Amino acid sequence: MKKIVLLLAFCLSIGNLFAQDADKLRDEGDAALKAKNYAEAFTKYDGFLKQTNNEDADRVFNCAFAAFQAKKYEDAVKYYDLAIQKNKNVDDAYTGKAMALRNLNKPAEFTATVEAGLKVKPGDANLEKLLYGYCMKQAQATQKAGKIADAEELYKDVLIVSNPKYKENALYSLGAMYYNEGAKILAAATDPAKYEAEKDKADVQMKKAKEYMEQAVALNAENANAKKILDSINETLAK
């Protein structure tokens, strides 16, 4: 019996030591975060959360934030996911996770994260701005590289937002892109014997352009550039 009592006392003392160590890591993490020493804050919080089974939702979010600021983006994604699971600062957690995925150059996961965040927080301005900025930039670069179908998908990713200006700009970009593709085909059609076949190819692009440009004008009837291109499309299709 005496040995059992001694063993129990030993186990309790070890448990107390672990608890004290965890508390120390938590407090050091708080201090480092306050001092904006993000790398140290992440290390301390990460150690604390591993010892406490990630139970502290506040520190889970803080750990994600510190990881992001320290450019430990994979760790940021991991802890922002945990924050979302714990329903802690959900809108900020989705935004932080999306930014980390953007910085990791993972476009598919980035877009999926923003879409998931907008289902939870419809119309969230930060998420919509993040999606718009990233997708438009990537779409323009992809378009410049001649990957038109890929660029189309990136522009279309913007259309899930509620912000009408973002949607209008994406639709205008889609319309202008396909208008330019059609115009390039017509400009290169110098052989009279092949003109009709090339005109048919150009019309396919122009019809896509018209569909997108009409949607842009429907969102903003004052968009003079969209209306001008739409008039040109209709003239080309009528020939």
Foldseek 3Di string as FASTA:
>chain_A
DVVVVVVVVVVVVVVVVLVVLLVVLQVQLVVCVVVVVLVSNLVSLVVSCVSVVVPDLVSLQVNLVSCVSVLVLVSNLVSLVVNCVVVHPVLVSLLSNLVSCVVVVNVVVSLVSLVVSCVVVPQDPSSLVVLLVSLQVVLVVCVVVVNLVVSLVSLVSSCVHPPLVSVLVSLLVQLVSLLVVLVVLQVPPPPVVCNVVSLVVSLVSLVRSLVSLVVSCVSPVPPPVSVVSNVVSVVSVVD
